Amino acid sequence: GARMDMKVGELFILIAAVLSFIELINSTSASATAI
């Protein structure tokens, strides 16, 4: 019954967290690109 309001600031943090996760996955490579 509650309503969750997603604000612009919270959306930025969500986007940054998802992109950070993708970066962590990319960091598992030991190539020159990853370095």
Full PDB file with SEQRES, HELIX, SHEET, SSBOND, CRYST1, ORIGX, SCALE, CONECT and MASTER records, all heavy atoms in Angstrom:
SEQRES   1 A   35  GLY ALA ARG MET ASP MET LYS VAL GLY GLU LEU PHE ILE          
SEQRES   2 A   35  LEU ILE ALA ALA VAL LEU SER PHE ILE GLU LEU ILE ASN          
SEQRES   3 A   35  SER THR SER ALA SER ALA THR ALA ILE                          
HELIX    1 AA1 VAL A    8  ASN A   26  1                                  19    
CRYST1    1.000    1.000    1.000  90.00  90.00  90.00 P 1           1          
ORIGX1      1.000000  0.000000  0.000000        0.00000                         
ORIGX2      0.000000  1.000000  0.000000        0.00000                         
ORIGX3      0.000000  0.000000  1.000000        0.00000                         
SCALE1      1.000000  0.000000  0.000000        0.00000                         
SCALE2      0.000000  1.000000  0.000000        0.00000                         
SCALE3      0.000000  0.000000  1.000000        0.00000                         
ATOM      1  N   GLY A   1       0.814  -1.211   0.000  1.00  0.00           N  
ATOM      2  CA  GLY A   1       0.000   0.000   0.000  1.00  0.00           C  
ATOM      3  C   GLY A   1       0.848   1.262   0.000  1.00  0.00           C  
ATOM      4  O   GLY A   1       0.353   2.347  -0.252  1.00  0.00           O  
ATOM      5  N   ALA A   2       2.134   1.111   0.294  1.00  0.00           N  
ATOM      6  CA  ALA A   2       3.036   2.255   0.267  1.00  0.00           C  
ATOM      7  C   ALA A   2       3.339   2.627  -1.185  1.00  0.00           C  
ATOM      8  O   ALA A   2       3.169   1.823  -2.099  1.00  0.00           O  
ATOM      9  CB  ALA A   2       4.332   1.922   1.001  1.00  0.00           C  
ATOM     10  N   ARG A   3       3.762   3.842  -1.375  1.00  0.00           N  
ATOM     11  CA  ARG A   3       4.154   4.311  -2.705  1.00  0.00           C  
ATOM     12  C   ARG A   3       5.618   4.719  -2.652  1.00  0.00           C  
ATOM     13  O   ARG A   3       6.004   5.524  -1.811  1.00  0.00           O  
ATOM     14  CB  ARG A   3       3.295   5.503  -3.121  1.00  0.00           C  
ATOM     15  CG  ARG A   3       1.829   5.143  -3.273  1.00  0.00           C  
ATOM     16  CD  ARG A   3       0.946   6.367  -3.458  1.00  0.00           C  
ATOM     17  NE  ARG A   3       1.440   7.327  -4.418  1.00  0.00           N  
ATOM     18  CZ  ARG A   3       1.044   7.401  -5.691  1.00  0.00           C  
ATOM     19  NH1 ARG A   3       0.139   6.554  -6.124  1.00  0.00           N  
ATOM     20  NH2 ARG A   3       1.516   8.317  -6.503  1.00  0.00           N  
ATOM     21  N   MET A   4       6.405   4.143  -3.546  1.00  0.00           N  
ATOM     22  CA  MET A   4       7.819   4.486  -3.595  1.00  0.00           C  
ATOM     23  C   MET A   4       8.037   5.540  -4.675  1.00  0.00           C  
ATOM     24  O   MET A   4       7.705   5.319  -5.833  1.00  0.00           O  
ATOM     25  CB  MET A   4       8.680   3.263  -3.915  1.00  0.00           C  
ATOM     26  CG  MET A   4      10.146   3.568  -3.810  1.00  0.00           C  
ATOM     27  SD  MET A   4      11.206   2.477  -4.753  1.00  0.00           S  
ATOM     28  CE  MET A   4      10.903   3.030  -6.403  1.00  0.00           C  
ATOM     29  N   ASP A   5       8.556   6.692  -4.265  1.00  0.00           N  
ATOM     30  CA  ASP A   5       8.879   7.749  -5.209  1.00  0.00           C  
ATOM     31  C   ASP A   5      10.354   7.638  -5.576  1.00  0.00           C  
ATOM     32  O   ASP A   5      11.223   7.714  -4.703  1.00  0.00           O  
ATOM     33  CB  ASP A   5       8.618   9.129  -4.598  1.00  0.00           C  
ATOM     34  CG  ASP A   5       7.143   9.392  -4.358  1.00  0.00           C  
ATOM     35  OD1 ASP A   5       6.320   8.798  -5.078  1.00  0.00           O  
ATOM     36  OD2 ASP A   5       6.825  10.183  -3.456  1.00  0.00           O  
ATOM     37  N   MET A   6      10.648   7.456  -6.860  1.00  0.00           N  
ATOM     38  CA  MET A   6      12.030   7.422  -7.340  1.00  0.00           C  
ATOM     39  C   MET A   6      12.390   8.838  -7.768  1.00  0.00           C  
ATOM     40  O   MET A   6      11.789   9.380  -8.690  1.00  0.00           O  
ATOM     41  CB  MET A   6      12.192   6.444  -8.508  1.00  0.00           C  
ATOM     42  CG  MET A   6      13.578   6.414  -9.109  1.00  0.00           C  
ATOM     43  SD  MET A   6      14.870   5.809  -8.003  1.00  0.00           S  
ATOM     44  CE  MET A   6      14.562   4.065  -8.062  1.00  0.00           C  
ATOM     45  N   LYS A   7      13.357   9.422  -7.069  1.00  0.00           N  
ATOM     46  CA  LYS A   7      13.780  10.783  -7.370  1.00  0.00           C  
ATOM     47  C   LYS A   7      14.989  10.757  -8.302  1.00  0.00           C  
ATOM     48  O   LYS A   7      15.635   9.726  -8.462  1.00  0.00           O  
ATOM     49  CB  LYS A   7      14.092  11.513  -6.077  1.00  0.00           C  
ATOM     50  CG  LYS A   7      12.874  11.603  -5.162  1.00  0.00           C  
ATOM     51  CD  LYS A   7      13.097  12.546  -4.031  1.00  0.00           C  
ATOM     52  CE  LYS A   7      11.957  12.628  -3.071  1.00  0.00           C  
ATOM     53  NZ  LYS A   7      10.635  12.599  -3.557  1.00  0.00           N  
ATOM     54  N   VAL A   8      15.285  11.879  -8.918  1.00  0.00           N  
ATOM     55  CA  VAL A   8      16.393  11.977  -9.874  1.00  0.00           C  
ATOM     56  C   VAL A   8      17.708  11.574  -9.208  1.00  0.00           C  
ATOM     57  O   VAL A   8      18.483  10.800  -9.777  1.00  0.00           O  
ATOM     58  CB  VAL A   8      16.487  13.411 -10.452  1.00  0.00           C  
ATOM     59  CG1 VAL A   8      17.745  13.589 -11.278  1.00  0.00           C  
ATOM     60  CG2 VAL A   8      15.264  13.724 -11.285  1.00  0.00           C  
ATOM     61  N   GLY A   9      17.970  12.051  -8.005  1.00  0.00           N  
ATOM     62  CA  GLY A   9      19.210  11.714  -7.300  1.00  0.00           C  
ATOM     63  C   GLY A   9      19.338  10.222  -7.050  1.00  0.00           C  
ATOM     64  O   GLY A   9      20.415   9.640  -7.222  1.00  0.00           O  
ATOM     65  N   GLU A  10      18.252   9.594  -6.643  1.00  0.00           N  
ATOM     66  CA  GLU A  10      18.266   8.152  -6.411  1.00  0.00           C  
ATOM     67  C   GLU A  10      18.472   7.385  -7.709  1.00  0.00           C  
ATOM     68  O   GLU A  10      19.157   6.353  -7.736  1.00  0.00           O  
ATOM     69  CB  GLU A  10      16.962   7.721  -5.737  1.00  0.00           C  
ATOM     70  CG  GLU A  10      16.790   8.316  -4.356  1.00  0.00           C  
ATOM     71  CD  GLU A  10      15.375   8.237  -3.838  1.00  0.00           C  
ATOM     72  OE1 GLU A  10      14.439   8.048  -4.638  1.00  0.00           O  
ATOM     73  OE2 GLU A  10      15.196   8.387  -2.615  1.00  0.00           O  
ATOM     74  N   LEU A  11      17.921   7.887  -8.794  1.00  0.00           N  
ATOM     75  CA  LEU A  11      18.095   7.253 -10.094  1.00  0.00           C  
ATOM     76  C   LEU A  11      19.556   7.328 -10.550  1.00  0.00           C  
ATOM     77  O   LEU A  11      20.090   6.372 -11.101  1.00  0.00           O  
ATOM     78  CB  LEU A  11      17.163   7.893 -11.124  1.00  0.00           C  
ATOM     79  CG  LEU A  11      17.065   7.210 -12.473  1.00  0.00           C  
ATOM     80  CD1 LEU A  11      16.577   5.770 -12.320  1.00  0.00           C  
ATOM     81  CD2 LEU A  11      16.133   7.984 -13.387  1.00  0.00           C  
ATOM     82  N   PHE A  12      20.201   8.463 -10.281  1.00  0.00           N  
ATOM     83  CA  PHE A  12      21.629   8.583 -10.601  1.00  0.00           C  
ATOM     84  C   PHE A  12      22.455   7.560  -9.831  1.00  0.00           C  
ATOM     85  O   PHE A  12      23.366   6.940 -10.374  1.00  0.00           O  
ATOM     86  CB  PHE A  12      22.148   9.986 -10.291  1.00  0.00           C  
ATOM     87  CG  PHE A  12      21.875  10.986 -11.357  1.00  0.00           C  
ATOM     88  CD1 PHE A  12      21.193  12.146 -11.068  1.00  0.00           C  
ATOM     89  CD2 PHE A  12      22.288  10.778 -12.664  1.00  0.00           C  
ATOM     90  CE1 PHE A  12      20.935  13.082 -12.043  1.00  0.00           C  
ATOM     91  CE2 PHE A  12      22.027  11.706 -13.651  1.00  0.00           C  
ATOM     92  CZ  PHE A  12      21.355  12.858 -13.344  1.00  0.00           C  
ATOM     93  N   ILE A  13      22.143   7.381  -8.567  1.00  0.00           N  
ATOM     94  CA  ILE A  13      22.881   6.412  -7.759  1.00  0.00           C  
ATOM     95  C   ILE A  13      22.639   5.001  -8.279  1.00  0.00           C  
ATOM     96  O   ILE A  13      23.569   4.186  -8.365  1.00  0.00           O  
ATOM     97  CB  ILE A  13      22.500   6.546  -6.268  1.00  0.00           C  
ATOM     98  CG1 ILE A  13      22.977   7.906  -5.745  1.00  0.00           C  
ATOM     99  CG2 ILE A  13      23.106   5.409  -5.445  1.00  0.00           C  
ATOM    100  CD1 ILE A  13      22.434   8.274  -4.391  1.00  0.00           C  
ATOM    101  N   LEU A  14      21.418   4.694  -8.661  1.00  0.00           N  
ATOM    102  CA  LEU A  14      21.097   3.389  -9.232  1.00  0.00           C  
ATOM    103  C   LEU A  14      21.874   3.154 -10.530  1.00  0.00           C  
ATOM    104  O   LEU A  14      22.468   2.086 -10.722  1.00  0.00           O  
ATOM    105  CB  LEU A  14      19.588   3.277  -9.486  1.00  0.00           C  
ATOM    106  CG  LEU A  14      19.114   1.994 -10.165  1.00  0.00           C  
ATOM    107  CD1 LEU A  14      19.376   0.792  -9.264  1.00  0.00           C  
ATOM    108  CD2 LEU A  14      17.651   2.094 -10.517  1.00  0.00           C  
ATOM    109  N   ILE A  15      21.882   4.140 -11.409  1.00  0.00           N  
ATOM    110  CA  ILE A  15      22.629   4.015 -12.670  1.00  0.00           C  
ATOM    111  C   ILE A  15      24.116   3.821 -12.390  1.00  0.00           C  
ATOM    112  O   ILE A  15      24.762   2.951 -12.990  1.00  0.00           O  
ATOM    113  CB  ILE A  15      22.385   5.256 -13.555  1.00  0.00           C  
ATOM    114  CG1 ILE A  15      20.947   5.271 -14.057  1.00  0.00           C  
ATOM    115  CG2 ILE A  15      23.371   5.308 -14.718  1.00  0.00           C  
ATOM    116  CD1 ILE A  15      20.528   6.584 -14.690  1.00  0.00           C  
ATOM    117  N   ALA A  16      24.663   4.605 -11.471  1.00  0.00           N  
ATOM    118  CA  ALA A  16      26.085   4.489 -11.140  1.00  0.00           C  
ATOM    119  C   ALA A  16      26.403   3.118 -10.540  1.00  0.00           C  
ATOM    120  O   ALA A  16      27.444   2.529 -10.837  1.00  0.00           O  
ATOM    121  CB  ALA A  16      26.499   5.598 -10.177  1.00  0.00           C  
ATOM    122  N   ALA A  17      25.511   2.572  -9.718  1.00  0.00           N  
ATOM    123  CA  ALA A  17      25.738   1.256  -9.120  1.00  0.00           C  
ATOM    124  C   ALA A  17      25.732   0.158 -10.186  1.00  0.00           C  
ATOM    125  O   ALA A  17      26.579  -0.742 -10.167  1.00  0.00           O  
ATOM    126  CB  ALA A  17      24.684   0.963  -8.053  1.00  0.00           C  
ATOM    127  N   VAL A  18      24.809   0.238 -11.129  1.00  0.00           N  
ATOM    128  CA  VAL A  18      24.751  -0.756 -12.210  1.00  0.00           C  
ATOM    129  C   VAL A  18      26.003  -0.659 -13.071  1.00  0.00           C  
ATOM    130  O   VAL A  18      26.627  -1.677 -13.418  1.00  0.00           O  
ATOM    131  CB  VAL A  18      23.464  -0.579 -13.055  1.00  0.00           C  
ATOM    132  CG1 VAL A  18      23.521  -1.403 -14.321  1.00  0.00           C  
ATOM    133  CG2 VAL A  18      22.241  -0.941 -12.230  1.00  0.00           C  
ATOM    134  N   LEU A  19      26.409   0.558 -13.420  1.00  0.00           N  
ATOM    135  CA  LEU A  19      27.623   0.730 -14.225  1.00  0.00           C  
ATOM    136  C   LEU A  19      28.861   0.267 -13.467  1.00  0.00           C  
ATOM    137  O   LEU A  19      29.787  -0.292 -14.056  1.00  0.00           O  
ATOM    138  CB  LEU A  19      27.760   2.185 -14.674  1.00  0.00           C  
ATOM    139  CG  LEU A  19      26.723   2.659 -15.682  1.00  0.00           C  
ATOM    140  CD1 LEU A  19      26.894   4.141 -15.969  1.00  0.00           C  
ATOM    141  CD2 LEU A  19      26.804   1.852 -16.967  1.00  0.00           C  
ATOM    142  N   SER A  20      28.876   0.482 -12.162  1.00  0.00           N  
ATOM    143  CA  SER A  20      30.002   0.015 -11.348  1.00  0.00           C  
ATOM    144  C   SER A  20      30.076  -1.510 -11.357  1.00  0.00           C  
ATOM    145  O   SER A  20      31.161  -2.093 -11.430  1.00  0.00           O  
ATOM    146  CB  SER A  20      29.846   0.529  -9.913  1.00  0.00           C  
ATOM    147  OG  SER A  20      30.931   0.143  -9.125  1.00  0.00           O  
ATOM    148  N   PHE A  21      28.922  -2.169 -11.306  1.00  0.00           N  
ATOM    149  CA  PHE A  21      28.887  -3.630 -11.377  1.00  0.00           C  
ATOM    150  C   PHE A  21      29.448  -4.119 -12.710  1.00  0.00           C  
ATOM    151  O   PHE A  21      30.235  -5.070 -12.759  1.00  0.00           O  
ATOM    152  CB  PHE A  21      27.461  -4.137 -11.177  1.00  0.00           C  
ATOM    153  CG  PHE A  21      27.318  -5.607 -11.362  1.00  0.00           C  
ATOM    154  CD1 PHE A  21      27.809  -6.494 -10.409  1.00  0.00           C  
ATOM    155  CD2 PHE A  21      26.703  -6.128 -12.491  1.00  0.00           C  
ATOM    156  CE1 PHE A  21      27.695  -7.860 -10.577  1.00  0.00           C  
ATOM    157  CE2 PHE A  21      26.583  -7.495 -12.670  1.00  0.00           C  
ATOM    158  CZ  PHE A  21      27.078  -8.364 -11.712  1.00  0.00           C  
ATOM    159  N   ILE A  22      29.058  -3.467 -13.793  1.00  0.00           N  
ATOM    160  CA  ILE A  22      29.574  -3.840 -15.112  1.00  0.00           C  
ATOM    161  C   ILE A  22      31.081  -3.642 -15.163  1.00  0.00           C  
ATOM    162  O   ILE A  22      31.816  -4.470 -15.713  1.00  0.00           O  
ATOM    163  CB  ILE A  22      28.855  -3.038 -16.220  1.00  0.00           C  
ATOM    164  CG1 ILE A  22      27.381  -3.434 -16.282  1.00  0.00           C  
ATOM    165  CG2 ILE A  22      29.525  -3.246 -17.575  1.00  0.00           C  
ATOM    166  CD1 ILE A  22      26.529  -2.532 -17.145  1.00  0.00           C  
ATOM    167  N   GLU A  23      31.561  -2.565 -14.560  1.00  0.00           N  
ATOM    168  CA  GLU A  23      33.006  -2.316 -14.506  1.00  0.00           C  
ATOM    169  C   GLU A  23      33.725  -3.436 -13.739  1.00  0.00           C  
ATOM    170  O   GLU A  23      34.814  -3.853 -14.131  1.00  0.00           O  
ATOM    171  CB  GLU A  23      33.296  -0.981 -13.818  1.00  0.00           C  
ATOM    172  CG  GLU A  23      33.097   0.211 -14.691  1.00  0.00           C  
ATOM    173  CD  GLU A  23      34.145   0.323 -15.778  1.00  0.00           C  
ATOM    174  OE1 GLU A  23      35.340   0.134 -15.506  1.00  0.00           O  
ATOM    175  OE2 GLU A  23      33.753   0.582 -16.917  1.00  0.00           O  
ATOM    176  N   LEU A  24      33.125  -3.894 -12.655  1.00  0.00           N  
ATOM    177  CA  LEU A  24      33.745  -4.971 -11.881  1.00  0.00           C  
ATOM    178  C   LEU A  24      33.831  -6.252 -12.698  1.00  0.00           C  
ATOM    179  O   LEU A  24      34.825  -6.980 -12.629  1.00  0.00           O  
ATOM    180  CB  LEU A  24      32.974  -5.215 -10.587  1.00  0.00           C  
ATOM    181  CG  LEU A  24      33.124  -4.143  -9.529  1.00  0.00           C  
ATOM    182  CD1 LEU A  24      32.240  -4.449  -8.333  1.00  0.00           C  
ATOM    183  CD2 LEU A  24      34.565  -3.999  -9.095  1.00  0.00           C  
ATOM    184  N   ILE A  25      32.817  -6.530 -13.475  1.00  0.00           N  
ATOM    185  CA  ILE A  25      32.858  -7.710 -14.338  1.00  0.00           C  
ATOM    186  C   ILE A  25      33.958  -7.559 -15.382  1.00  0.00           C  
ATOM    187  O   ILE A  25      34.707  -8.502 -15.652  1.00  0.00           O  
ATOM    188  CB  ILE A  25      31.483  -7.950 -14.992  1.00  0.00           C  
ATOM    189  CG1 ILE A  25      30.479  -8.386 -13.934  1.00  0.00           C  
ATOM    190  CG2 ILE A  25      31.582  -8.995 -16.099  1.00  0.00           C  
ATOM    191  CD1 ILE A  25      29.060  -8.471 -14.420  1.00  0.00           C  
ATOM    192  N   ASN A  26      34.091  -6.366 -15.949  1.00  0.00           N  
ATOM    193  CA  ASN A  26      35.139  -6.129 -16.947  1.00  0.00           C  
ATOM    194  C   ASN A  26      36.532  -6.219 -16.347  1.00  0.00           C  
ATOM    195  O   ASN A  26      37.494  -6.511 -17.051  1.00  0.00           O  
ATOM    196  CB  ASN A  26      34.960  -4.761 -17.604  1.00  0.00           C  
ATOM    197  CG  ASN A  26      33.849  -4.753 -18.618  1.00  0.00           C  
ATOM    198  OD1 ASN A  26      33.436  -5.799 -19.112  1.00  0.00           O  
ATOM    199  ND2 ASN A  26      33.347  -3.574 -18.925  1.00  0.00           N  
ATOM    200  N   SER A  27      36.667  -5.955 -15.056  1.00  0.00           N  
ATOM    201  CA  SER A  27      37.994  -5.954 -14.439  1.00  0.00           C  
ATOM    202  C   SER A  27      38.547  -7.364 -14.234  1.00  0.00           C  
ATOM    203  O   SER A  27      39.702  -7.518 -13.851  1.00  0.00           O  
ATOM    204  CB  SER A  27      37.963  -5.218 -13.103  1.00  0.00           C  
ATOM    205  OG  SER A  27      37.226  -5.938 -12.153  1.00  0.00           O  
ATOM    206  N   THR A  28      37.755  -8.388 -14.491  1.00  0.00           N  
ATOM    207  CA  THR A  28      38.260  -9.752 -14.328  1.00  0.00           C  
ATOM    208  C   THR A  28      39.218 -10.140 -15.447  1.00  0.00           C  
ATOM    209  O   THR A  28      39.904 -11.144 -15.356  1.00  0.00           O  
ATOM    210  CB  THR A  28      37.104 -10.766 -14.294  1.00  0.00           C  
ATOM    211  OG1 THR A  28      36.355 -10.674 -15.504  1.00  0.00           O  
ATOM    212  CG2 THR A  28      36.203 -10.505 -13.099  1.00  0.00           C  
ATOM    213  N   SER A  29      39.282  -9.341 -16.489  1.00  0.00           N  
ATOM    214  CA  SER A  29      40.207  -9.602 -17.583  1.00  0.00           C  
ATOM    215  C   SER A  29      41.591  -9.082 -17.209  1.00  0.00           C  
ATOM    216  O   SER A  29      41.721  -8.041 -16.574  1.00  0.00           O  
ATOM    217  CB  SER A  29      39.717  -8.903 -18.849  1.00  0.00           C  
ATOM    218  OG  SER A  29      40.699  -8.931 -19.850  1.00  0.00           O  
ATOM    219  N   ALA A  30      42.632  -9.790 -17.616  1.00  0.00           N  
ATOM    220  CA  ALA A  30      44.000  -9.361 -17.327  1.00  0.00           C  
ATOM    221  C   ALA A  30      44.674  -8.798 -18.577  1.00  0.00           C  
ATOM    222  O   ALA A  30      45.883  -8.746 -18.663  1.00  0.00           O  
ATOM    223  CB  ALA A  30      44.810 -10.529 -16.774  1.00  0.00           C  
ATOM    224  N   SER A  31      43.888  -8.366 -19.527  1.00  0.00           N  
ATOM    225  CA  SER A  31      44.436  -7.869 -20.782  1.00  0.00           C  
ATOM    226  C   SER A  31      44.934  -6.435 -20.632  1.00  0.00           C  
ATOM    227  O   SER A  31      44.680  -5.759 -19.637  1.00  0.00           O  
ATOM    228  CB  SER A  31      43.357  -7.926 -21.869  1.00  0.00           C  
ATOM    229  OG  SER A  31      42.327  -7.012 -21.563  1.00  0.00           O  
ATOM    230  N   ALA A  32      45.645  -5.978 -21.656  1.00  0.00           N  
ATOM    231  CA  ALA A  32      46.126  -4.596 -21.666  1.00  0.00           C  
ATOM    232  C   ALA A  32      44.949  -3.623 -21.667  1.00  0.00           C  
ATOM    233  O   ALA A  32      45.034  -2.528 -21.105  1.00  0.00           O  
ATOM    234  CB  ALA A  32      47.009  -4.363 -22.882  1.00  0.00           C  
ATOM    235  N   THR A  33      43.833  -4.021 -22.257  1.00  0.00           N  
ATOM    236  CA  THR A  33      42.634  -3.191 -22.269  1.00  0.00           C  
ATOM    237  C   THR A  33      42.145  -2.957 -20.847  1.00  0.00           C  
ATOM    238  O   THR A  33      41.794  -1.832 -20.484  1.00  0.00           O  
ATOM    239  CB  THR A  33      41.525  -3.875 -23.094  1.00  0.00           C  
ATOM    240  OG1 THR A  33      41.991  -4.060 -24.423  1.00  0.00           O  
ATOM    241  CG2 THR A  33      40.257  -3.064 -23.105  1.00  0.00           C  
ATOM    242  N   ALA A  34      42.128  -3.992 -20.029  1.00  0.00           N  
ATOM    243  CA  ALA A  34      41.667  -3.862 -18.638  1.00  0.00           C  
ATOM    244  C   ALA A  34      42.619  -2.991 -17.839  1.00  0.00           C  
ATOM    245  O   ALA A  34      42.183  -2.196 -16.997  1.00  0.00           O  
ATOM    246  CB  ALA A  34      41.535  -5.232 -17.995  1.00  0.00           C  
ATOM    247  N   ILE A  35      43.902  -3.108 -18.090  1.00  0.00           N  
ATOM    248  CA  ILE A  35      44.885  -2.297 -17.358  1.00  0.00           C  
ATOM    249  C   ILE A  35      44.696  -0.818 -17.691  1.00  0.00           C  
ATOM    250  O   ILE A  35      44.719   0.034 -16.800  1.00  0.00           O  
ATOM    251  CB  ILE A  35      46.313  -2.785 -17.667  1.00  0.00           C  
ATOM    252  CG1 ILE A  35      46.492  -4.185 -17.097  1.00  0.00           C  
ATOM    253  CG2 ILE A  35      47.350  -1.826 -17.098  1.00  0.00           C  
ATOM    254  CD1 ILE A  35      47.741  -4.890 -17.543  1.00  0.00           C  
TER     255      ILE A  35                                                      
MASTER        0    0    0    1    0    0    0    6  254    1    0    3          
END                                                                             
